[in-house]
């Protein structure tokens, strides 16, 4: 709060762009809106940023956890309409957002949620939760946990010889931080969804957008670790911010910047998976609401299927 107050009152910043973290941004959201200073394209997946009526000066960027959960729900319904689902989730805003999104799609459907098990981030091991979930007879395991616990869950499922269809939040798709510690063999077949191209994946080598990103990285980020997804993410968010400023033109007021941020039509940053477009409106402050499913195979993520939209029907 102190830092944001300093930026706005002493430094007189025009707007704050891509600030990180749900608790930190929640702490300053009311202040931003009272001061009418744009809090734009936040680097957090909470669904609360899409509330133009209450908070017209705040907008997120990446797909919210609820959006992602709805997309997973749609996928499960299509792939396994008679599934028995066990949900393992973090007992916090992130986990609960996911739970809501899943239930929005799966409640009143042919899919049955047979168990919901939450964990605290202070727990040293989550093995007992996984044993309990296996005993429910579930054949789909939804893993809504942060990297350390996601790796533990994948590893324990393999040790138990349990073979459910595993769907995991894209918060934990890091190969280095999750899949390798869990064991590449244990991780084989795990499903997730994504919206960003992976700069270290050879499939994008001849992709026009990726070529632009690589040229940019070579010039401005020499020696950077291109497999770090934060780089393609930051680049996509920055391109979106530039687009908003271009649309604002010479009318560079805070009001107009928010108006333009809420008037993005089929904008496609270079590092988004082809087919995923950014759309916003005065009543929709969620720029990215589409994902593509992917599966972990032979040590890497493989995209498959059509782009899935969180909107009903899409």
Protein backbone atom coordinates (compact mmCIF):
# COMPACT_ATOMS: atom_id res chain seq x y z
CA UNK A 1 0.00 0.00 0.00
CA UNK A 2 2.83 2.35 0.97
CA UNK A 3 4.68 1.72 -2.32
CA UNK A 4 1.59 2.24 -4.49
CA UNK A 5 0.68 5.41 -2.61
CA UNK A 6 4.20 6.72 -3.25
CA UNK A 7 3.97 5.86 -6.97
CA UNK A 8 0.59 7.57 -7.36
CA UNK A 9 0.97 10.56 -5.05
CA UNK A 10 4.70 11.40 -5.18
CA UNK A 11 5.78 10.01 -8.54
CA UNK A 12 2.41 10.81 -10.15
CA UNK A 13 2.41 7.71 -12.34
CA UNK A 14 -0.14 7.56 -15.15
CA UNK A 15 -1.03 3.91 -14.51
CA UNK A 16 0.35 0.73 -12.92
CA UNK A 17 0.95 -2.14 -15.35
CA UNK A 18 1.16 -5.93 -14.75
CA UNK A 19 1.70 -5.77 -10.98
CA UNK A 20 2.10 -9.23 -9.45
CA UNK A 21 0.17 -11.21 -6.86
CA UNK A 22 -3.39 -11.64 -5.65
CA UNK A 23 -2.88 -10.55 -1.99
CA UNK A 24 -0.74 -7.53 -2.92
CA UNK A 25 -3.15 -6.34 -5.62
CA UNK A 26 -6.20 -6.94 -3.44
CA UNK A 27 -4.58 -4.71 -0.81
CA UNK A 28 -4.39 -1.73 -3.21
CA UNK A 29 -7.44 -2.31 -5.43
CA UNK A 30 -9.80 0.03 -3.51
CA UNK A 31 -7.15 2.76 -3.35
CA UNK A 32 -6.47 2.53 -7.12
CA UNK A 33 -10.17 2.83 -7.86
CA UNK A 34 -10.72 5.70 -5.40
CA UNK A 35 -7.84 7.59 -7.06
CA UNK A 36 -9.02 6.56 -10.57
CA UNK A 37 -5.56 5.34 -11.56
CA UNK A 38 -5.63 2.32 -13.90
CA UNK A 39 -4.50 -0.96 -12.31
CA UNK A 40 -3.99 -2.67 -15.63
CA UNK A 41 -3.34 -6.23 -16.80
CA UNK A 42 -2.53 -7.65 -13.37
CA UNK A 43 -0.22 -10.67 -13.17
CA UNK A 44 -2.61 -12.78 -11.12
CA UNK A 45 -5.25 -15.33 -12.06
CA UNK A 46 -7.90 -14.42 -9.50
CA UNK A 47 -11.36 -14.02 -11.06
CA UNK A 48 -12.13 -10.97 -8.90
CA UNK A 49 -10.35 -8.62 -11.37
CA UNK A 50 -13.24 -9.04 -13.80
CA UNK A 51 -15.64 -6.73 -11.95
CA UNK A 52 -16.03 -3.58 -14.08
CA UNK A 53 -19.10 -2.44 -12.17
CA UNK A 54 -17.45 -2.33 -8.72
CA UNK A 55 -13.86 -1.77 -9.86
CA UNK A 56 -13.81 0.04 -13.22
CA UNK A 57 -10.08 0.86 -12.91
CA UNK A 58 -8.83 -2.72 -12.44
CA UNK A 59 -8.27 -5.40 -15.11
CA UNK A 60 -6.45 -8.73 -15.08
CA UNK A 61 -4.65 -10.33 -18.01
CA UNK A 62 -4.15 -14.11 -17.96
CA UNK A 63 -7.04 -16.59 -17.89
CA UNK A 64 -8.50 -16.61 -14.39
CA UNK A 65 -8.44 -19.79 -12.33
CA UNK A 66 -12.21 -20.01 -12.72
CA UNK A 67 -11.92 -19.72 -16.52
CA UNK A 68 -9.32 -22.49 -16.57
CA UNK A 69 -11.42 -24.71 -14.29
CA UNK A 70 -14.48 -24.28 -16.52
CA UNK A 71 -12.39 -25.33 -19.52
CA UNK A 72 -11.16 -28.42 -17.64
CA UNK A 73 -14.74 -29.22 -16.67
CA UNK A 74 -15.80 -29.03 -20.34
CA UNK A 75 -12.91 -31.28 -21.35
CA UNK A 76 -13.70 -33.92 -18.69
CA UNK A 77 -17.37 -33.89 -19.69
CA UNK A 78 -16.46 -34.51 -23.33
CA UNK A 79 -13.65 -37.04 -22.78
CA UNK A 80 -15.23 -39.03 -19.94
CA UNK A 81 -18.95 -38.25 -19.60
CA UNK A 82 -19.41 -40.91 -16.88
CA UNK A 83 -16.32 -39.87 -14.88
CA UNK A 84 -16.01 -40.12 -11.10
CA UNK A 85 -13.94 -37.06 -10.18
CA UNK A 86 -11.70 -36.51 -7.15
CA UNK A 87 -10.66 -32.88 -6.62
CA UNK A 88 -7.48 -32.07 -4.70
CA UNK A 89 -7.11 -28.35 -4.03
CA UNK A 90 -5.24 -25.69 -2.06
CA UNK A 91 -7.33 -24.29 0.79
CA UNK A 92 -7.04 -20.66 -0.37
CA UNK A 93 -8.50 -18.23 -2.96
CA UNK A 94 -6.69 -20.00 -5.80
CA UNK A 95 -8.03 -23.45 -4.90
CA UNK A 96 -11.54 -22.24 -4.11
CA UNK A 97 -11.80 -20.26 -7.37
CA UNK A 98 -10.98 -23.44 -9.23
CA UNK A 99 -13.52 -25.45 -7.29
CA UNK A 100 -16.26 -22.96 -8.19
CA UNK A 101 -15.33 -23.07 -11.89
CA UNK A 102 -15.35 -26.88 -11.99
CA UNK A 103 -18.71 -27.08 -10.24
CA UNK A 104 -20.24 -24.48 -12.59
CA UNK A 105 -19.70 -26.99 -15.39
CA UNK A 106 -19.89 -30.40 -13.66
CA UNK A 107 -22.79 -29.93 -11.22
CA UNK A 108 -26.03 -31.23 -12.80
CA UNK A 109 -23.98 -33.06 -15.48
CA UNK A 110 -23.41 -36.79 -16.04
CA UNK A 111 -20.01 -36.47 -14.34
CA UNK A 112 -19.97 -37.18 -10.59
CA UNK A 113 -17.67 -35.37 -8.15
CA UNK A 114 -17.00 -38.15 -5.60
CA UNK A 115 -14.49 -36.32 -3.39
CA UNK A 116 -13.11 -32.89 -2.57
CA UNK A 117 -9.95 -32.83 -0.50
CA UNK A 118 -8.14 -29.62 0.44
CA UNK A 119 -4.61 -29.18 1.80
CA UNK A 120 -2.82 -26.41 3.68
CA UNK A 121 0.41 -24.99 2.22
CA UNK A 122 2.06 -25.60 5.60
CA UNK A 123 1.70 -29.40 5.35
CA UNK A 124 5.06 -31.16 4.90
CA UNK A 125 3.52 -34.02 2.92
CA UNK A 126 0.16 -34.58 1.25
CA UNK A 127 0.51 -38.38 0.86
CA UNK A 128 -2.38 -39.20 3.22
CA UNK A 129 -4.76 -37.02 1.13
CA UNK A 130 -3.81 -38.91 -2.05
CA UNK A 131 -4.32 -42.31 -0.38
CA UNK A 132 -7.76 -41.15 0.80
CA UNK A 133 -8.71 -39.96 -2.70
CA UNK A 134 -7.55 -43.19 -4.35
CA UNK A 135 -9.89 -45.11 -2.02
CA UNK A 136 -12.92 -43.22 -3.40
CA UNK A 137 -12.64 -45.19 -6.66
CA UNK A 138 -12.33 -41.97 -8.69
CA UNK A 139 -11.09 -42.36 -12.25
CA UNK A 140 -10.31 -38.64 -12.78
CA UNK A 141 -7.95 -36.73 -10.46
CA UNK A 142 -8.02 -32.92 -10.67
CA UNK A 143 -4.80 -31.51 -9.23
CA UNK A 144 -5.26 -27.86 -8.13
CA UNK A 145 -2.02 -27.33 -6.28
CA UNK A 146 1.13 -25.23 -6.42
CA UNK A 147 4.33 -26.78 -7.87
CA UNK A 148 5.78 -28.49 -4.77
CA UNK A 149 2.50 -30.22 -3.90
CA UNK A 150 1.61 -30.96 -7.54
CA UNK A 151 4.90 -32.88 -7.85
CA UNK A 152 4.22 -34.77 -4.59
CA UNK A 153 0.72 -35.74 -5.80
CA UNK A 154 1.92 -37.05 -9.19
CA UNK A 155 4.67 -39.04 -7.49
CA UNK A 156 2.35 -40.57 -4.86
CA UNK A 157 -0.30 -41.53 -7.45
CA UNK A 158 2.39 -43.45 -9.38
CA UNK A 159 3.68 -45.13 -6.20
CA UNK A 160 0.15 -46.30 -5.36
CA UNK A 161 -0.27 -47.79 -8.84
CA UNK A 162 -3.43 -45.65 -9.22
CA UNK A 163 -4.16 -44.79 -12.84
CA UNK A 164 -6.78 -42.02 -13.00
CA UNK A 165 -6.93 -39.45 -15.80
CA UNK A 166 -4.93 -36.58 -14.26
CA UNK A 167 -5.83 -32.96 -15.01
CA UNK A 168 -3.52 -30.35 -13.50
CA UNK A 169 -3.62 -26.56 -13.19
CA UNK A 170 -1.30 -24.67 -15.52
CA UNK A 171 0.17 -23.00 -12.41
CA UNK A 172 2.20 -26.22 -12.03
CA UNK A 173 3.20 -27.17 -15.58
CA UNK A 174 6.90 -26.37 -15.17
CA UNK A 175 8.93 -29.31 -16.41
CA UNK A 176 11.90 -28.35 -14.22
CA UNK A 177 9.95 -27.55 -11.05
CA UNK A 178 7.20 -30.20 -11.21
CA UNK A 179 7.49 -32.95 -13.82
CA UNK A 180 11.16 -33.79 -13.25
CA UNK A 181 10.93 -33.87 -9.42
CA UNK A 182 7.75 -36.01 -9.68
CA UNK A 183 9.57 -38.29 -12.15
CA UNK A 184 9.15 -38.08 -15.91
CA UNK A 185 7.69 -41.60 -16.02
CA UNK A 186 5.18 -40.80 -13.27
CA UNK A 187 4.24 -37.57 -15.10
CA UNK A 188 3.58 -39.29 -18.44
CA UNK A 189 0.03 -38.63 -19.64
CA UNK A 190 -0.83 -35.78 -17.23
CA UNK A 191 -3.19 -33.25 -18.85
CA UNK A 192 -3.26 -29.47 -18.54
CA UNK A 193 -4.11 -26.47 -20.70
CA UNK A 194 -2.15 -23.51 -21.95
CA UNK A 195 -2.44 -20.21 -23.80
CA UNK A 196 1.25 -19.31 -24.30
CA UNK A 197 3.78 -20.71 -26.75
CA UNK A 198 6.84 -22.26 -25.07
CA UNK A 199 9.97 -20.54 -26.42
CA UNK A 200 12.07 -23.66 -25.71
CA UNK A 201 9.74 -25.93 -27.74
CA UNK A 202 11.03 -26.66 -31.28
CA UNK A 203 7.46 -26.84 -32.66
CA UNK A 204 7.40 -23.00 -32.75
CA UNK A 205 10.75 -22.66 -34.54
CA UNK A 206 9.24 -21.37 -37.80
CA UNK A 207 6.29 -19.59 -36.23
CA UNK A 208 6.20 -15.90 -37.27
CA UNK A 209 5.22 -14.62 -33.82
CA UNK A 210 7.91 -16.69 -32.12
CA UNK A 211 10.52 -15.38 -34.59
CA UNK A 212 9.62 -11.82 -33.54
CA UNK A 213 9.87 -12.76 -29.87
CA UNK A 214 13.26 -14.46 -30.41
CA UNK A 215 14.61 -11.38 -32.21
CA UNK A 216 13.38 -9.21 -29.34
CA UNK A 217 14.94 -11.53 -26.74
CA UNK A 218 18.25 -11.58 -28.59
CA UNK A 219 18.37 -7.78 -28.63
CA UNK A 220 17.04 -6.94 -25.17
CA UNK A 221 17.44 -10.13 -23.09
CA UNK A 222 20.81 -11.59 -24.08
CA UNK A 223 21.59 -14.76 -22.13
CA UNK A 224 18.08 -15.05 -20.66
CA UNK A 225 16.65 -18.51 -19.96
CA UNK A 226 14.07 -18.74 -22.75
CA UNK A 227 12.39 -21.79 -21.21
CA UNK A 228 11.16 -19.49 -18.41
CA UNK A 229 7.48 -18.96 -19.31
CA UNK A 230 7.55 -15.55 -17.57
CA UNK A 231 9.37 -14.15 -20.61
CA UNK A 232 6.74 -15.06 -23.24
CA UNK A 233 4.08 -14.04 -20.71
CA UNK A 234 5.62 -10.63 -20.04
CA UNK A 235 6.05 -10.04 -23.75
CA UNK A 236 2.36 -10.83 -24.48
CA UNK A 237 1.17 -8.58 -21.64
CA UNK A 238 3.47 -5.76 -22.79
CA UNK A 239 2.26 -6.04 -26.41
CA UNK A 240 -1.31 -5.74 -25.13
CA UNK A 241 -0.41 -2.61 -23.14
CA UNK A 242 1.24 -1.11 -26.26
CA UNK A 243 -1.90 -1.88 -28.28
CA UNK A 244 -4.03 -0.01 -25.71
CA UNK A 245 -1.72 3.03 -25.88
CA UNK A 246 -1.84 2.95 -29.70
CA UNK A 247 -5.65 2.85 -29.63
CA UNK A 248 -5.67 5.76 -27.16
CA UNK A 249 -3.65 7.85 -29.65
CA UNK A 250 -3.28 11.50 -28.67
CA UNK A 251 -6.14 11.31 -26.19
CA UNK A 252 -3.90 10.07 -23.39
CA UNK A 253 -6.19 10.37 -20.39
CA UNK A 254 -6.65 7.70 -17.75
CA UNK A 255 -10.34 7.46 -18.69
CA UNK A 256 -9.51 6.83 -22.33
CA UNK A 257 -6.83 4.26 -21.51
CA UNK A 258 -9.39 2.25 -19.51
CA UNK A 259 -11.92 2.68 -22.32
CA UNK A 260 -9.40 1.33 -24.87
CA UNK A 261 -8.36 -1.53 -22.55
CA UNK A 262 -12.04 -2.47 -22.54
CA UNK A 263 -12.26 -2.26 -26.36
CA UNK A 264 -9.76 -4.90 -27.50
CA UNK A 265 -11.05 -6.88 -30.47
CA UNK A 266 -9.37 -10.15 -31.52
CA UNK A 267 -5.94 -8.84 -30.57
CA UNK A 268 -3.23 -11.51 -30.98
CA UNK A 269 0.11 -11.02 -29.18
CA UNK A 270 3.01 -12.90 -30.84
CA UNK A 271 3.48 -15.40 -28.01
CA UNK A 272 -0.12 -16.61 -27.61
CA UNK A 273 -1.03 -20.06 -29.02
CA UNK A 274 -2.53 -19.58 -32.51
CA UNK A 275 -6.31 -19.18 -32.36
CA UNK A 276 -6.31 -17.58 -28.91
CA UNK A 277 -7.39 -13.95 -29.11
CA UNK A 278 -7.76 -11.13 -26.64
CA UNK A 279 -11.24 -9.63 -26.39
CA UNK A 280 -12.59 -7.19 -23.83
CA UNK A 281 -15.66 -5.00 -23.48
CA UNK A 282 -17.19 -2.56 -21.01
CA UNK A 283 -18.80 -5.53 -19.24
CA UNK A 284 -15.98 -8.07 -19.74
CA UNK A 285 -12.63 -7.26 -18.12
CA UNK A 286 -11.10 -10.73 -18.74
CA UNK A 287 -8.69 -10.43 -21.71
CA UNK A 288 -7.82 -14.13 -22.15
CA UNK A 289 -10.70 -16.62 -21.86
CA UNK A 290 -9.55 -19.45 -24.14
CA UNK A 291 -7.09 -22.31 -23.66
CA UNK A 292 -5.83 -25.31 -25.58
CA UNK A 293 -5.51 -28.70 -23.90
CA UNK A 294 -2.11 -30.35 -23.70
CA UNK A 295 -0.65 -33.65 -22.51
CA UNK A 296 2.75 -34.49 -21.03
CA UNK A 297 4.43 -37.02 -23.33
CA UNK A 298 8.07 -38.15 -23.54
CA UNK A 299 9.32 -35.33 -21.37
CA UNK A 300 7.43 -32.47 -23.03
CA UNK A 301 3.98 -30.88 -23.34
CA UNK A 302 2.06 -31.65 -26.54
CA UNK A 303 -0.88 -29.46 -27.51
CA UNK A 304 -3.96 -31.20 -28.92
CA UNK A 305 -7.58 -30.60 -29.88
CA UNK A 306 -9.42 -27.36 -30.53
CA UNK A 307 -9.20 -24.10 -28.65
CA UNK A 308 -11.72 -24.31 -25.76
CA UNK A 309 -13.52 -21.20 -24.58
CA UNK A 310 -14.75 -20.70 -21.01
CA UNK A 311 -17.91 -19.07 -22.33
CA UNK A 312 -20.93 -21.33 -22.26
CA UNK A 313 -21.27 -23.25 -25.48
CA UNK A 314 -17.86 -22.23 -26.87
